Amino acid sequence: MACTSNAELQSKILIIADHLEDCTGVGPQTCMLVKENPEDEWSYFYDQIEGFEYEAGFTYELLVNQTFVTNPAADAPAIRYELKNVISKIPSMDNAELFKEWTVIKIKGLEQLSSSPTMTFEKEDPKVSGFAGCNNYFSSYEISENTLSFGPAGATRKLCPDMSVEDSFLKQLPNIARFEIVKKELYLYDQNDELLILAISQ
């Protein structure tokens, strides 16, 4: 039998998605989706976290101990995870949280924003409007649980010296497929779970 020993212990934060997905490890299985930073893409988590009881419908932020195991036994993981603390456990978003004004602070493809687009979602009449970076814009939207899509956007026609923020913002709207609200932050993802827009509320 192979001997095992713990080589190194590190602490790290893991964000756990509110649902599981089918994945393939040694064989077909169901995996948690994890990432280390809010702007990262989700990835499959094939291991277990000792002491953690997962409950679907909640997004978790966990502090875990990560131990690198030297000479692991056959079919045993090379990294061992142990729960140290549950930092947050947030229920899947209530869509009502979406219906407010959001200020965009990050757009995919831009290092920094020279202006701050806004997004105001109306509840009764499914429309979104706001400031796009130069012009005011308006569009329709469709929502179902945490899926979100936008119709064609219209805008006023003023020209500004820097149109980069507005052009990037309006370009990303049709690509949005899903949203996630964590505390006062709105994350808008495409169908591949790549973060396109990050916004905050007051």
Protein backbone atom coordinates (compact mmCIF):
# COMPACT_ATOMS: atom_id res chain seq x y z
CA MET A 1 0.00 0.00 0.00
CA ALA A 2 1.19 3.50 -0.79
CA CYS A 3 2.04 5.82 2.06
CA THR A 4 0.56 9.28 2.28
CA SER A 5 1.74 12.43 4.01
CA ASN A 6 0.66 16.02 4.10
CA ALA A 7 3.19 18.23 2.35
CA GLU A 8 1.77 21.73 2.60
CA LEU A 9 -1.25 23.47 4.11
CA GLN A 10 -2.79 26.58 2.60
CA SER A 11 -5.99 28.53 3.19
CA LYS A 12 -8.05 29.82 0.29
CA ILE A 13 -11.51 31.17 -0.46
CA LEU A 14 -13.87 29.26 -2.74
CA ILE A 15 -17.15 30.54 -4.17
CA ILE A 16 -19.68 27.72 -4.72
CA ALA A 17 -22.53 28.10 -7.23
CA ASP A 18 -26.16 27.54 -6.24
CA HIS A 19 -26.60 24.47 -8.46
CA LEU A 20 -24.78 21.29 -9.46
CA GLU A 21 -23.91 20.18 -12.99
CA ASP A 22 -23.21 16.82 -14.61
CA CYS A 23 -19.50 16.23 -15.18
CA THR A 24 -17.14 13.36 -15.95
CA GLY A 25 -14.26 12.41 -13.68
CA VAL A 26 -13.31 8.76 -13.35
CA GLY A 27 -16.89 8.26 -14.56
CA PRO A 28 -20.08 10.29 -14.88
CA GLN A 29 -20.85 12.25 -11.73
CA THR A 30 -22.36 15.51 -10.44
CA CYS A 31 -20.01 18.35 -9.63
CA MET A 32 -20.15 21.59 -7.71
CA LEU A 33 -19.18 24.70 -9.66
CA VAL A 34 -16.46 26.78 -8.01
CA LYS A 35 -14.31 29.85 -8.56
CA GLU A 36 -11.88 31.79 -6.42
CA ASN A 37 -12.78 35.33 -7.52
CA PRO A 38 -16.15 36.82 -8.57
CA GLU A 39 -14.83 37.72 -12.03
CA ASP A 40 -13.49 34.20 -12.70
CA GLU A 41 -15.30 31.62 -14.79
CA TRP A 42 -16.96 28.68 -13.05
CA SER A 43 -15.07 25.38 -13.12
CA TYR A 44 -16.02 21.85 -12.11
CA PHE A 45 -15.01 20.73 -8.62
CA TYR A 46 -14.41 16.98 -8.65
CA ASP A 47 -13.35 16.59 -5.00
CA GLN A 48 -15.08 16.82 -1.64
CA ILE A 49 -14.75 19.46 1.08
CA GLU A 50 -14.57 17.77 4.46
CA GLY A 51 -17.05 19.22 6.92
CA PHE A 52 -19.11 21.01 4.25
CA GLU A 53 -22.74 20.07 3.63
CA TYR A 54 -23.85 21.45 0.28
CA GLU A 55 -27.45 22.62 -0.16
CA ALA A 56 -28.69 23.53 -3.64
CA GLY A 57 -30.28 26.94 -4.00
CA PHE A 58 -27.55 28.81 -2.13
CA THR A 59 -24.36 30.51 -3.28
CA TYR A 60 -21.56 29.94 -0.78
CA GLU A 61 -18.32 31.70 0.01
CA LEU A 62 -16.08 29.33 1.95
CA LEU A 63 -12.73 29.55 3.64
CA VAL A 64 -11.08 26.16 3.26
CA ASN A 65 -7.82 24.55 4.21
CA GLN A 66 -6.10 23.04 1.19
CA THR A 67 -3.55 20.33 1.92
CA PHE A 68 -1.26 19.01 -0.80
CA VAL A 69 -0.75 15.29 -0.25
CA THR A 70 2.54 13.67 -1.25
CA ASN A 71 2.39 10.13 -2.60
CA PRO A 72 -1.42 9.82 -2.53
CA ALA A 73 -2.93 6.35 -2.65
CA ALA A 74 -4.18 5.05 -5.98
CA ASP A 75 -7.30 6.94 -7.15
CA ALA A 76 -6.99 9.28 -4.14
CA PRO A 77 -6.88 13.06 -4.72
CA ALA A 78 -3.56 14.89 -4.50
CA ILE A 79 -5.26 17.79 -2.72
CA ARG A 80 -7.41 17.50 0.40
CA TYR A 81 -9.97 20.20 1.21
CA GLU A 82 -11.35 20.88 4.67
CA LEU A 83 -13.94 23.51 5.61
CA LYS A 84 -12.57 26.19 7.91
CA ASN A 85 -15.45 28.70 7.84
CA VAL A 86 -18.64 29.49 5.92
CA ILE A 87 -18.17 33.17 5.11
CA SER A 88 -21.58 33.55 3.48
CA LYS A 89 -24.55 31.44 2.41
CA ILE A 90 -26.86 33.44 0.13
CA PRO A 91 -30.19 32.09 -1.20
CA SER A 92 -30.68 32.04 -4.96
CA MET A 93 -31.59 35.54 -5.92
CA ASP A 94 -35.09 36.81 -5.56
CA ASN A 95 -35.80 38.46 -8.90
CA ALA A 96 -37.20 41.42 -6.99
CA GLU A 97 -33.61 42.37 -6.17
CA LEU A 98 -33.03 43.13 -9.84
CA PHE A 99 -35.55 45.95 -10.02
CA LYS A 100 -33.44 48.94 -9.07
CA GLU A 101 -30.77 51.15 -10.59
CA TRP A 102 -27.36 49.56 -11.12
CA THR A 103 -24.09 51.33 -11.91
CA VAL A 104 -21.71 49.43 -14.18
CA ILE A 105 -18.13 49.19 -12.87
CA LYS A 106 -16.68 46.57 -15.20
CA ILE A 107 -17.17 45.60 -18.86
CA LYS A 108 -15.39 42.73 -20.56
CA GLY A 109 -12.63 43.97 -22.85
CA LEU A 110 -12.04 47.30 -21.10
CA GLU A 111 -9.21 47.85 -18.64
CA GLN A 112 -11.01 50.81 -17.05
CA LEU A 113 -14.17 52.81 -17.59
CA SER A 114 -14.04 56.50 -18.52
CA SER A 115 -17.77 56.75 -17.77
CA SER A 116 -20.24 54.66 -15.80
CA PRO A 117 -23.26 53.19 -17.62
CA THR A 118 -26.40 52.58 -15.59
CA MET A 119 -29.17 49.98 -15.80
CA THR A 120 -32.66 50.47 -14.37
CA PHE A 121 -35.01 47.49 -14.65
CA GLU A 122 -38.76 48.11 -14.61
CA LYS A 123 -40.82 45.34 -13.05
CA GLU A 124 -44.32 45.70 -14.47
CA ASP A 125 -43.22 46.67 -17.99
CA PRO A 126 -40.15 44.54 -18.82
CA LYS A 127 -37.89 47.34 -19.99
CA VAL A 128 -34.38 48.41 -19.04
CA SER A 129 -32.98 51.88 -19.59
CA GLY A 130 -30.25 54.19 -18.44
CA PHE A 131 -27.04 55.91 -19.42
CA ALA A 132 -24.82 53.96 -21.83
CA GLY A 133 -21.67 56.04 -21.44
CA CYS A 134 -22.55 58.88 -23.82
CA ASN A 135 -26.20 58.50 -24.79
CA ASN A 136 -29.31 57.35 -23.00
CA TYR A 137 -30.50 53.90 -24.11
CA PHE A 138 -33.53 51.65 -23.72
CA SER A 139 -34.26 47.99 -24.37
CA SER A 140 -36.63 45.19 -23.41
CA TYR A 141 -35.67 42.13 -21.38
CA GLU A 142 -36.91 38.63 -20.62
CA ILE A 143 -36.28 36.92 -17.31
CA SER A 144 -36.91 33.44 -15.92
CA GLU A 145 -35.37 32.53 -12.58
CA ASN A 146 -31.72 33.51 -13.16
CA THR A 147 -31.76 33.56 -16.98
CA LEU A 148 -31.81 37.00 -18.56
CA SER A 149 -31.82 38.20 -22.17
CA PHE A 150 -32.18 41.59 -23.81
CA GLY A 151 -33.95 42.73 -26.95
CA PRO A 152 -32.45 45.17 -29.49
CA ALA A 153 -31.33 48.40 -27.82
CA GLY A 154 -32.16 51.91 -28.98
CA ALA A 155 -30.26 55.05 -27.99
CA THR A 156 -30.07 58.78 -28.53
CA ARG A 157 -27.53 59.87 -31.12
CA LYS A 158 -25.15 62.27 -29.44
CA LEU A 159 -21.45 61.86 -30.31
CA CYS A 160 -18.86 62.04 -27.54
CA PRO A 161 -15.05 62.24 -27.78
CA ASP A 162 -14.78 58.77 -26.21
CA MET A 163 -17.39 56.23 -27.32
CA SER A 164 -15.46 53.14 -26.16
CA VAL A 165 -17.50 52.51 -23.00
CA GLU A 166 -20.87 52.93 -24.72
CA ASP A 167 -19.86 50.82 -27.71
CA SER A 168 -18.61 47.99 -25.46
CA PHE A 169 -21.62 48.16 -23.14
CA LEU A 170 -24.22 48.02 -25.91
CA LYS A 171 -22.23 45.33 -27.71
CA GLN A 172 -22.35 43.04 -24.65
CA LEU A 173 -26.08 43.37 -23.89
CA PRO A 174 -27.24 40.87 -26.59
CA ASN A 175 -24.70 38.31 -25.30
CA ILE A 176 -26.05 38.21 -21.75
CA ALA A 177 -27.73 34.93 -20.84
CA ARG A 178 -27.68 34.74 -17.04
CA PHE A 179 -27.47 36.96 -13.99
CA GLU A 180 -26.39 36.56 -10.42
CA ILE A 181 -26.87 38.95 -7.50
CA VAL A 182 -24.47 38.71 -4.57
CA LYS A 183 -25.11 41.28 -1.86
CA LYS A 184 -25.17 44.60 -3.80
CA GLU A 185 -23.38 43.33 -6.91
CA LEU A 186 -25.01 42.28 -10.20
CA TYR A 187 -23.05 39.81 -12.34
CA LEU A 188 -24.10 39.39 -15.98
CA TYR A 189 -22.76 36.30 -17.76
CA ASP A 190 -22.92 34.88 -21.27
CA GLN A 191 -24.06 31.32 -22.02
CA ASN A 192 -20.53 30.04 -21.27
CA ASP A 193 -20.57 31.62 -17.80
CA GLU A 194 -18.03 34.26 -18.81
CA LEU A 195 -18.50 37.52 -16.93
CA LEU A 196 -19.49 40.32 -19.32
CA ILE A 197 -20.69 43.11 -17.05
CA LEU A 198 -20.39 43.79 -13.31
CA ALA A 199 -22.60 46.44 -11.70
CA ILE A 200 -23.31 47.65 -8.18
CA SER A 201 -26.32 49.22 -6.46
CA GLN A 202 -26.35 51.86 -3.73
